[in-house]
Amino acid sequence: MIKTIKRICVFLISVYLLLCGGLYVFQEYFIFQSTSLEDGYEFQFDAPFTEFDLENNGVRLNALHFKVENPKGVILYYHGNLGDLSRWGNEIQSLLRYGYDIVIMDYRSYGKSRGEPSELLMYEDADLFYKYAKEQFNEDELIVYGRSLGSAFAIAVASKNSPKQLILETPFYSLNSVIRETLPFLPINKMLNYSLDSYQYAPMVKCPTLVLLAKQDDVVAYGNGVKLTEGLKYNTNVAFEGATHNDLMEFPLYWEVLTKFING
């Protein structure tokens, strides 16, 4: 009996250590889930666009600039963690209906962007593209939009600048908190190289902010996003009943709320 208990304990400890080791070693894969593109890959979209690169400390970062006639300004869009610009370029074209140009970048290791993920450098990269957008338009014509992973960079950028508006779609309080809620039995704080503490930037955001939350979010718990909004001063929160992490655009309410906020 005692030997059996010992074997079970050894087995459980071994599984626990394997889980810890696997999460630590493969954390970039789970967090970023990037896909890469060859340098010669040619993007094809229905809307007019130009492709361009910016450089940060010798690392090339690839981006797209969608253009409309007589733009009201520009939407600077930070995308989610899955896929590159060949996917996201198609997803965000529908936002062109509001009469704004759209600038969207690929993070390090995504698409044609090079370099390896680094929290500090990725925040720098986000700042770099904000500066690009600000060179094209006045800040009072600049809307910052962050979706999921991109919400961490969007809120950080907005906290240090004065954009017209900030939009956060399925954002999170911090990356640590998201993973702790999924794997509460692991020592997450000691294992992750990335914290993405959006809550630290929230109180410094000075512009009107729209927060879009999915009540049945299967990636970031609804309450996690609500907790982030508590630190925002000038925010409007909208909860989508029946929505999950990636389908808010399919709800008519999404377009109603977005139209009212952007045009209001």
Foldseek 3Di string as FASTA:
>chain_A
DVVVVVVVVVVVVVVQVVVLVVCQVCVCCVQQVADEADPPDDADDPFDKDKDWDDDPRWIKIKIKGDDPPALAEEEEEEGRHAACSPVVHVCPVVCVVRHIYMYIGFDPHYHTHDDDDQVVRLVVLLVVVVVRCVVDPQLSYEYEYAEVRQLSSLQNQLVDPHQEYEYEAYFQWPLVQVCVVVVPHPSVVRDNGISRSLVSQLSRDHEYEYEAECAEPRGHRVRSVVSCVNHDRYDYDYDYPDYRPCPVVDPVSVVVVCVVVVD
